Protein backbone atom coordinates (compact mmCIF):
# COMPACT_ATOMS: atom_id res chain seq x y z
CA MET A 1 -16.39 -59.03 -46.38
CA ASP A 2 -18.82 -55.87 -45.96
CA ILE A 3 -17.12 -52.97 -44.60
CA HIS A 4 -20.21 -50.81 -43.29
CA GLN A 5 -20.76 -54.15 -40.78
CA THR A 6 -17.37 -53.13 -39.21
CA PRO A 7 -18.65 -50.76 -36.13
CA ILE A 8 -21.26 -52.50 -36.00
CA ARG A 9 -19.69 -55.44 -34.07
CA LYS A 10 -17.16 -52.98 -31.87
CA ALA A 11 -20.20 -51.00 -30.82
CA PRO A 12 -20.94 -52.73 -27.42
CA TRP A 13 -16.55 -53.05 -26.18
CA VAL A 14 -17.53 -49.03 -26.59
CA LEU A 15 -20.36 -48.62 -24.94
CA ALA A 16 -18.99 -50.41 -22.05
CA LEU A 17 -15.55 -48.25 -22.14
CA THR A 18 -17.75 -45.03 -22.11
CA LEU A 19 -19.91 -45.85 -19.43
CA GLY A 20 -16.94 -46.98 -17.17
CA LEU A 21 -15.03 -43.87 -17.28
CA LEU A 22 -18.98 -42.51 -16.43
CA LEU A 23 -18.83 -44.35 -13.52
CA LEU A 24 -15.40 -43.58 -12.39
CA MET A 25 -16.10 -39.67 -12.73
CA VAL A 26 -19.19 -39.84 -10.82
CA ALA A 27 -17.54 -41.57 -7.96
CA VAL A 28 -14.82 -39.41 -7.83
CA PRO A 29 -15.68 -36.59 -4.90
CA ALA A 30 -15.13 -32.91 -5.81
CA ALA A 31 -13.92 -29.93 -3.50
CA VAL A 32 -16.93 -27.26 -4.66
CA SER A 33 -16.38 -24.38 -1.84
CA ALA A 34 -14.15 -23.51 0.74
CA SER A 35 -13.92 -20.82 3.42
CA THR A 36 -10.94 -19.59 5.49
CA ARG A 37 -10.72 -17.92 9.00
CA ASP A 38 -7.16 -17.05 8.53
CA PRO A 39 -5.07 -15.97 11.90
CA THR A 40 -3.39 -12.93 12.46
CA VAL A 41 0.15 -12.14 13.90
CA ALA A 42 1.05 -9.46 15.72
CA ILE A 43 3.42 -7.58 18.76
CA THR A 44 1.54 -7.48 21.31
CA ASP A 45 4.24 -6.46 24.18
CA TYR A 46 7.48 -4.91 23.86
CA GLN A 47 10.15 -3.23 26.82
CA VAL A 48 13.77 -2.17 25.90
CA THR A 49 16.12 -2.69 28.42
CA PRO A 50 17.44 0.38 29.81
CA ALA A 51 14.25 2.49 29.49
CA ILE A 52 16.79 5.78 28.79
CA LEU A 53 20.30 4.98 26.99
CA LEU A 54 23.26 6.63 27.37
CA PRO A 55 24.97 7.20 23.89
CA GLY A 56 27.36 4.52 22.60
CA ASP A 57 25.39 2.15 25.69
CA GLN A 58 23.64 -1.47 24.85
CA GLY A 59 20.63 -2.53 25.38
CA THR A 60 18.09 -4.72 24.33
CA ILE A 61 14.57 -5.34 22.93
CA ARG A 62 11.91 -7.68 24.04
CA ILE A 63 9.20 -8.17 22.03
CA THR A 64 5.99 -10.85 22.73
CA LEU A 65 5.00 -12.08 19.10
CA GLU A 66 1.24 -13.97 19.62
CA ASN A 67 -1.62 -14.95 17.33
CA THR A 68 -4.58 -12.98 18.44
CA ALA A 69 -6.72 -15.19 16.98
CA SER A 70 -8.55 -17.06 19.78
CA THR A 71 -9.46 -19.87 17.01
CA ALA A 72 -8.33 -19.58 13.66
CA THR A 73 -9.66 -22.54 11.84
CA SER A 74 -10.57 -23.53 7.76
CA THR A 75 -14.02 -24.88 6.28
CA GLU A 76 -13.95 -27.36 3.79
CA GLU A 77 -17.24 -28.56 1.99
CA THR A 78 -17.02 -31.38 -0.02
CA VAL A 79 -19.61 -32.90 -2.68
CA GLN A 80 -19.78 -36.47 -3.34
CA ASN A 81 -21.45 -38.18 -6.65
CA GLY A 82 -22.54 -41.55 -6.00
CA VAL A 83 -24.79 -43.70 -7.71
CA SER A 84 -27.00 -43.74 -5.19
CA GLY A 85 -27.19 -39.57 -5.41
CA THR A 86 -25.16 -36.87 -4.37
CA SER A 87 -23.51 -35.93 -0.58
CA THR A 88 -22.45 -33.22 1.30
CA THR A 89 -18.95 -33.21 3.29
CA THR A 90 -17.91 -29.93 5.68
CA THR A 91 -14.65 -30.22 7.70
CA THR A 92 -13.39 -27.28 10.70
CA LYS A 93 -10.01 -27.90 11.61
CA ASP A 94 -7.84 -24.93 13.80
CA MET A 95 -4.92 -23.70 11.90
CA THR A 96 -1.80 -22.15 12.34
CA VAL A 97 0.44 -19.09 11.18
CA LEU A 98 4.15 -20.08 10.33
CA VAL A 99 6.45 -17.43 11.13
CA GLU A 100 9.19 -16.81 8.52
CA SER A 101 11.10 -15.07 9.59
CA VAL A 102 11.20 -11.95 12.45
CA TYR A 103 13.71 -9.06 11.40
CA LEU A 104 14.90 -5.60 12.95
CA TYR A 105 15.65 -2.98 11.31
CA GLY A 106 17.67 -0.14 13.41
CA LYS A 107 16.34 2.64 11.30
CA GLY A 108 19.58 4.66 13.31
CA VAL A 109 20.17 2.10 16.21
CA GLU A 110 22.21 -0.42 15.58
CA VAL A 111 20.95 -3.54 15.74
CA LEU A 112 24.13 -6.73 16.80
CA GLU A 113 21.97 -9.39 17.91
CA GLY A 114 18.57 -11.43 17.32
CA ASN A 115 17.52 -11.32 13.65
CA PHE A 116 15.08 -14.79 13.82
CA GLN A 117 14.72 -16.99 10.67
CA GLN A 118 11.91 -19.64 10.36
CA VAL A 119 10.98 -18.55 13.52
CA GLY A 120 8.21 -21.12 13.73
CA ALA A 121 4.63 -22.46 13.93
CA LEU A 122 1.57 -20.84 16.63
CA GLY A 123 -1.72 -21.78 16.92
CA PRO A 124 -4.11 -19.95 18.05
CA GLY A 125 -3.78 -17.67 20.92
CA GLN A 126 -0.18 -18.59 21.57
CA SER A 127 2.39 -15.95 21.73
CA MET A 128 6.90 -16.70 21.69
CA THR A 129 9.34 -13.94 23.49
CA LEU A 130 12.55 -12.79 21.33
CA THR A 131 15.24 -10.48 22.28
CA PHE A 132 17.21 -8.09 20.28
CA LEU A 133 20.31 -6.75 21.18
CA ILE A 134 20.77 -2.92 20.38
CA LYS A 135 23.82 -0.87 20.56
CA ALA A 136 22.97 3.39 20.82
CA GLN A 137 23.34 5.91 18.62
CA SER A 138 26.27 8.50 19.70
CA TYR A 139 23.47 11.21 19.48
CA PRO A 140 20.61 11.50 21.68
CA GLY A 141 16.40 11.74 20.71
CA MET A 142 14.12 9.54 19.63
CA TYR A 143 14.78 6.73 17.34
CA PHE A 144 12.01 4.11 16.28
CA PRO A 145 13.75 0.41 14.85
CA GLU A 146 11.27 -1.55 13.53
CA VAL A 147 10.36 -5.28 13.78
CA TRP A 148 9.32 -6.69 10.38
CA ILE A 149 7.19 -10.11 10.87
CA ARG A 150 7.18 -12.16 7.28
CA ILE A 151 4.38 -14.95 6.79
CA PRO A 152 3.88 -17.15 4.02
CA GLU A 153 2.93 -15.35 -0.04
CA GLY A 154 4.64 -12.28 1.28
CA THR A 155 3.16 -11.06 3.91
CA SER A 156 4.60 -9.13 6.21
CA VAL A 157 4.14 -7.07 9.57
CA GLN A 158 5.55 -4.05 10.46
CA TYR A 159 5.88 -2.51 13.97
CA PRO A 160 7.58 0.43 15.33
CA ILE A 161 10.03 0.32 18.72
CA PRO A 162 10.90 3.51 20.18
CA VAL A 163 14.02 3.83 22.08
CA ASN A 164 15.12 6.87 24.01
CA VAL A 165 19.10 7.48 23.88
CA ASN A 166 19.30 10.18 26.86
CA SER A 167 16.35 12.84 25.39
CA PRO A 168 13.68 13.68 27.57
CA ILE A 169 11.34 13.79 25.02
CA GLY A 170 10.50 10.27 25.24
CA ILE A 171 10.15 10.07 29.49
CA GLN A 172 7.17 9.50 30.38
CA LYS A 173 5.18 12.47 32.14
CA THR A 174 3.42 11.14 34.44
CA GLU A 175 2.17 11.00 38.79
CA ILE A 176 4.83 8.70 40.87
CA LEU A 177 3.71 7.77 43.95
CA ILE A 178 6.46 6.68 46.18
CA LEU A 179 5.08 5.41 50.24
CA SER A 180 7.62 5.24 52.83
CA SER A 181 7.10 4.50 56.12
CA SER A 182 9.07 5.13 59.65
CA LEU A 183 8.16 2.66 62.49
CA PRO A 184 9.14 1.85 66.12
CA ASP A 185 13.44 0.81 66.36
CA THR A 186 12.27 -1.80 68.97
CA ILE A 187 8.65 -4.26 68.47
CA GLU A 188 7.48 -7.14 69.89
CA PRO A 189 5.24 -9.50 69.50
CA GLY A 190 1.61 -7.86 71.42
CA ASP A 191 2.68 -4.40 70.80
CA GLU A 192 0.36 -1.88 69.23
CA ILE A 193 2.96 -0.30 66.17
CA PRO A 194 2.19 3.09 65.21
CA ALA A 195 3.54 3.43 62.11
CA SER A 196 3.82 7.37 60.30
CA LEU A 197 2.94 6.80 56.01
CA THR A 198 4.56 9.34 53.50
CA LEU A 199 3.19 9.55 50.79
CA ARG A 200 5.52 11.74 47.97
CA ASN A 201 4.47 12.63 44.23
CA ASP A 202 7.84 12.05 42.33
CA GLY A 203 6.14 12.31 38.95
CA ARG A 204 5.52 15.24 36.57
CA LEU A 205 1.24 15.52 36.94
CA LEU A 206 -1.07 15.58 40.00
CA ALA A 207 -2.67 12.40 41.76
CA ASP A 208 -6.34 12.99 42.32
CA ASP A 209 -8.10 11.49 45.55
CA VAL A 210 -5.70 9.43 46.71
CA THR A 211 -6.26 6.96 48.58
CA VAL A 212 -3.98 4.51 51.02
CA ARG A 213 -5.74 1.31 52.19
CA VAL A 214 -3.72 -0.24 54.36
CA GLY A 215 -4.16 -4.01 54.81
CA ASN A 216 -3.22 -6.63 57.35
CA VAL A 217 -1.65 -9.91 57.14
CA SER A 218 -3.74 -12.73 59.45
CA GLY A 219 -3.13 -13.66 63.07
CA LYS A 220 -0.10 -11.35 62.65
CA VAL A 221 -0.63 -7.64 62.47
CA ALA A 222 -3.65 -5.44 61.43
CA PRO A 223 -4.40 -2.03 61.11
CA LYS A 224 -6.27 -0.83 64.57
CA GLY A 225 -9.60 1.54 63.77
CA THR A 226 -9.60 2.35 59.96
CA ASP A 227 -7.46 0.95 57.82
CA ILE A 228 -8.66 3.29 54.58
CA TYR A 229 -7.17 7.19 54.43
CA HIS A 230 -8.25 9.70 52.06
CA LEU A 231 -5.17 11.95 51.26
CA GLY A 232 -6.99 13.92 48.46
CA ALA A 233 -5.29 15.30 46.17
CA VAL A 234 -1.10 15.27 45.65
CA GLY A 235 0.60 17.29 43.29
CA PRO A 236 4.36 17.15 42.21
CA GLY A 237 6.89 17.18 44.57
CA VAL A 238 4.36 17.04 47.20
CA GLN A 239 4.11 14.51 49.80
CA LYS A 240 1.75 14.13 52.83
CA THR A 241 2.19 11.68 56.18
CA VAL A 242 -0.59 9.95 57.48
CA GLU A 243 -0.47 8.36 61.63
CA VAL A 244 -1.35 4.78 61.21
CA LEU A 245 -1.58 2.15 64.23
CA LEU A 246 -1.49 -1.21 63.92
CA LEU A 247 -1.88 -3.76 66.57
CA SER A 248 0.67 -7.09 65.88
CA ASP A 249 -0.64 -10.78 67.95
CA ARG A 250 1.69 -12.21 70.44
CA GLU A 251 1.65 -15.44 69.67
CA THR A 252 3.54 -13.82 66.13
CA ASP A 253 6.81 -15.53 65.35
CA PRO A 254 9.87 -12.83 65.39
CA GLY A 255 10.88 -11.46 61.77
CA LEU A 256 9.74 -9.69 58.67
CA VAL A 257 6.08 -8.83 58.81
CA GLN A 258 4.77 -7.47 55.57
CA VAL A 259 1.82 -5.55 55.31
CA PRO A 260 -0.15 -4.62 52.36
CA VAL A 261 -0.51 -1.34 51.48
CA VAL A 262 -2.98 -0.25 48.04
CA LEU A 263 -3.05 3.01 47.06
CA SER A 264 -4.87 4.44 45.07
CA TYR A 265 -5.53 7.37 42.83
CA LYS A 266 -7.03 8.90 39.72
CA GLY A 267 -4.81 10.78 36.53
CA ILE A 268 -5.57 13.94 35.24
CA ASP A 269 -7.30 12.43 32.89
CA GLY A 270 -9.46 10.56 35.24
CA THR A 271 -8.42 7.48 34.61
CA ALA A 272 -7.95 5.24 37.80
CA HIS A 273 -4.91 3.67 38.76
CA THR A 274 -4.00 1.10 41.74
CA GLN A 275 -0.63 0.71 42.90
CA ALA A 276 0.37 -2.09 45.18
CA SER A 277 3.03 -1.14 48.05
CA SER A 278 3.74 -2.80 51.56
CA VAL A 279 5.26 -1.29 55.19
CA ASN A 280 7.95 -3.67 56.49
CA VAL A 281 7.21 -4.64 60.35
CA MET A 282 10.47 -6.07 61.63
CA MET A 283 9.56 -7.91 65.28
CA LYS A 284 12.34 -8.18 67.73
CA GLY A 285 11.10 -11.21 70.31
CA LYS A 286 11.80 -10.28 74.05
CA GLY A 287 12.92 -13.13 76.93
CA GLU A 288 11.60 -12.99 80.56
CA LEU A 289 12.75 -15.54 82.24
CA GLY A 290 11.51 -16.26 85.93
CA PHE A 291 11.98 -18.47 89.08
CA VAL A 292 9.39 -21.52 88.71
CA SER A 293 10.46 -23.93 91.80
CA VAL A 294 13.01 -24.67 94.04
CA ASP A 295 14.42 -28.18 94.70
CA THR A 296 16.84 -30.07 96.59
CA SER A 297 17.75 -34.10 96.76
CA PRO A 298 17.08 -35.14 99.63
CA ARG A 299 14.38 -32.82 100.85
CA ARG A 300 16.02 -32.45 104.10
CA VAL A 301 19.43 -30.97 103.47
CA SER A 302 22.22 -32.13 106.45
CA ALA A 303 24.91 -29.94 107.87
CA GLY A 304 28.30 -31.99 106.19
CA GLN A 305 26.00 -34.31 103.54
CA PRO A 306 25.74 -33.67 99.94
CA PHE A 307 23.01 -32.33 97.88
CA ASP A 308 21.34 -31.79 94.61
CA LEU A 309 19.78 -28.14 94.39
CA THR A 310 17.46 -27.76 91.36
CA ILE A 311 16.24 -24.53 90.19
CA ARG A 312 13.21 -24.49 87.30
CA ILE A 313 13.63 -21.23 85.13
CA GLU A 314 10.68 -19.98 82.22
CA ASN A 315 10.18 -17.82 79.45
CA THR A 316 7.59 -15.85 79.82
CA GLY A 317 8.15 -14.07 77.46
CA THR A 318 7.66 -13.53 73.40
CA GLY A 319 11.46 -14.38 72.07
CA GLU A 320 13.72 -17.49 72.32
CA VAL A 321 16.31 -16.66 74.72
CA LYS A 322 19.58 -18.45 73.87
CA GLN A 323 23.19 -19.14 76.32
CA VAL A 324 20.99 -19.15 79.45
CA ALA A 325 23.65 -19.95 82.44
CA ALA A 326 22.66 -19.85 85.73
CA THR A 327 25.17 -19.36 88.42
CA VAL A 328 24.44 -19.89 93.19
CA ASP A 329 26.49 -17.77 94.99
CA LEU A 330 26.13 -20.87 97.88
CA PRO A 331 29.30 -20.76 100.27
CA MET A 332 29.63 -24.02 99.21
CA THR A 333 32.05 -26.90 97.38
CA GLY A 334 30.94 -28.44 94.46
CA THR A 335 29.10 -27.12 90.96
CA ARG A 336 27.89 -23.94 90.76
CA GLN A 337 27.25 -23.31 87.55
CA SER A 338 24.85 -24.54 85.65
CA PHE A 339 24.33 -23.68 81.65
CA ILE A 340 20.97 -24.30 79.85
CA GLY A 341 20.85 -23.23 76.71
CA LYS A 342 17.81 -22.32 74.98
CA ILE A 343 14.30 -21.89 76.07
CA LYS A 344 11.13 -20.86 73.84
CA PRO A 345 8.19 -19.18 74.92
CA GLY A 346 6.19 -20.84 77.83
CA ASN A 347 8.64 -23.30 78.34
CA ASP A 348 10.77 -23.54 81.85
CA ALA A 349 14.25 -25.32 81.77
CA PRO A 350 16.25 -27.16 84.82
CA ALA A 351 19.08 -25.95 85.83
CA VAL A 352 21.27 -28.54 88.20
CA PHE A 353 23.71 -27.19 91.44
CA MET A 354 25.91 -30.22 93.01
CA LEU A 355 27.16 -29.19 96.11
CA ASP A 356 28.74 -30.10 98.97
CA GLY A 357 27.50 -30.46 102.41
CA GLY A 358 28.33 -27.18 104.45
CA LYS A 359 27.41 -26.05 107.90
CA ASP A 360 23.73 -26.15 109.84
CA GLY A 361 22.00 -22.91 109.58
CA THR A 362 20.24 -20.43 107.19
CA TYR A 363 21.84 -19.46 104.43
CA ALA A 364 21.07 -16.05 102.16
CA TYR A 365 21.89 -16.50 98.30
CA ASN A 366 21.29 -15.20 95.33
CA THR A 367 20.36 -16.74 92.06
CA THR A 368 22.07 -15.00 88.33
CA ILE A 369 20.80 -15.95 85.11
CA THR A 370 22.48 -14.40 81.92
CA TYR A 371 20.94 -14.39 78.29
CA THR A 372 20.57 -13.00 75.38
CA ASP A 373 17.40 -12.64 72.85
CA ASP A 374 16.65 -10.52 69.89
CA LEU A 375 17.19 -7.53 72.08
CA GLY A 376 20.48 -8.32 73.42
CA THR A 377 21.92 -9.65 76.89
CA HIS A 378 19.87 -9.37 79.69
CA THR A 379 21.45 -10.42 83.32
CA VAL A 380 18.17 -11.76 85.80
CA SER A 381 19.13 -12.24 89.36
CA SER A 382 17.38 -13.04 92.75
CA PRO A 383 17.69 -13.61 96.39
CA MET A 384 16.43 -17.20 98.18
CA THR A 385 17.81 -19.15 101.25
CA LEU A 386 18.29 -22.64 102.05
CA ARG A 387 17.99 -23.97 105.52
CA VAL A 388 20.74 -26.37 106.15
CA VAL A 389 19.44 -28.57 109.71
CA PRO A 390 22.00 -30.21 111.94
CA ALA A 391 23.52 -33.96 111.28
CA ASP A 392 20.95 -36.45 112.74
CA SER A 393 22.62 -38.19 115.24
CA SER A 394 20.01 -40.25 116.43
CA MET A 395 21.74 -43.41 114.85
CA GLY A 396 24.66 -42.69 116.76
CA ILE A 397 22.64 -42.92 120.32
CA ILE A 398 21.02 -45.85 119.74
CA LEU A 399 24.49 -47.36 118.20
CA MET A 400 25.71 -45.84 121.71
CA LEU A 401 22.41 -47.39 123.84
CA LEU A 402 23.07 -51.09 122.11
CA GLY A 403 26.34 -51.25 122.78
CA VAL A 404 25.73 -49.92 126.74
CA LEU A 405 23.39 -52.99 126.44
CA GLY A 406 25.31 -55.54 125.52
CA VAL A 407 28.18 -54.09 127.15
CA GLY A 408 26.40 -54.74 130.45
CA ILE A 409 24.68 -58.16 129.15
CA VAL A 410 27.77 -59.80 129.88
CA THR A 411 28.41 -58.31 132.89
CA TYR A 412 25.95 -59.43 134.42
CA ARG A 413 26.34 -63.06 132.61
CA PHE A 414 30.30 -63.23 133.23
CA TRP A 415 30.61 -60.79 136.47
CA TYR A 416 27.99 -60.61 138.49
CA LEU A 417 26.58 -64.04 138.50
CA PRO A 418 29.77 -65.94 139.15
CA ARG A 419 30.27 -63.89 141.97
CA LYS A 420 26.60 -64.06 143.57
CA ASN A 421 26.87 -68.36 143.32
CA GLY A 422 30.26 -69.17 143.63
CA ASN A 423 30.17 -72.01 140.91
CA GLY A 424 29.08 -69.92 138.14
CA ALA A 425 25.53 -71.50 137.47
CA LEU A 426 22.72 -69.67 136.74
CA PRO A 427 20.29 -68.42 139.68
CA TRP A 428 17.69 -70.34 139.52
CA VAL A 429 19.96 -73.26 138.91
CA LYS A 430 20.35 -74.91 142.46
CA LYS A 431 23.32 -75.84 143.84
CA SER A 432 24.47 -79.60 144.57
């Protein structure tokens, strides 16, 4: 056998194997490019409580950790080689940032609690709040502990936090406006309310172009006339007062009404500021009781006959009245005191007295009402009259007449007729 013919017999197998490998390589996709927009992590807010620590005191540092990228995305382009040609696919997806750990290094402040390991992931725009417990040094001063935020691939973010330990250096020098108000002790719904508003600058800098705007509470309290007051410049330690007149609605329920006040001013650097405040108005309802009607049952009161006396009492005031009681000083026995309880504004209630009959005549008496409202205890008295007619004797007269008539008939029949006829027969009966 010729050994030179062997490669010729194996060549088809080699070719087939080679072609298969080539087809497999063509079918596998290949990533030709990729781009990434990395997310970012920052401390967007912090708060030290208390703002100024005394030496040796404990406090807290609260930080807000945020993925500041509104959209963190990853884009990949994938190329696929097929028998029919080449195709490209682009994939975009949101990315989160993994926060591995957050540590606070004291730098002169002792960190008691709050170092965090394996914090977690933050998506685009997401945030979290972390709190550290600290202890101040024994010496006053400004200290700057650092927050270290570690994210993958060895990247870290450092952020210093100023901590004031009984030091005047870090106290903010600014304007501080404080609003106080003075109002009447008693304010009823429907009253005009004079109010004195005093604005005081307790800060260290001048507040310029100060404006006080008084708002309104719909359906309750509103400023009368102007609602804007210009005070100009208010220096440190200076106070200014404006007189404001408020109107209250008569239908306002008693209680606290907070009238909003907005302070607007400019700092010494020209920066505009606004500050919200309020004027507290305590409404006190006042009851006003009056008499609506006086009725008796029966309508005609006769001497010696029991009757009911009903007096309707109305509350025309602005507040609810309580513990309402009424008495009458009629010289009669029976129930001369009536307990009513509560009467709301605009309502009325009956006071009922059940009395025994008295002698006939006209009685002058007083009806006295006692009640309480938001302003205290009150008494109202009103003079009234009651007419008692003599007892009705007509029925007795009729009965007496009927009795006399009956006696007459019996006398006529059994005494007069027998004497006249001799035999007791009726006059029209003939004698036999």
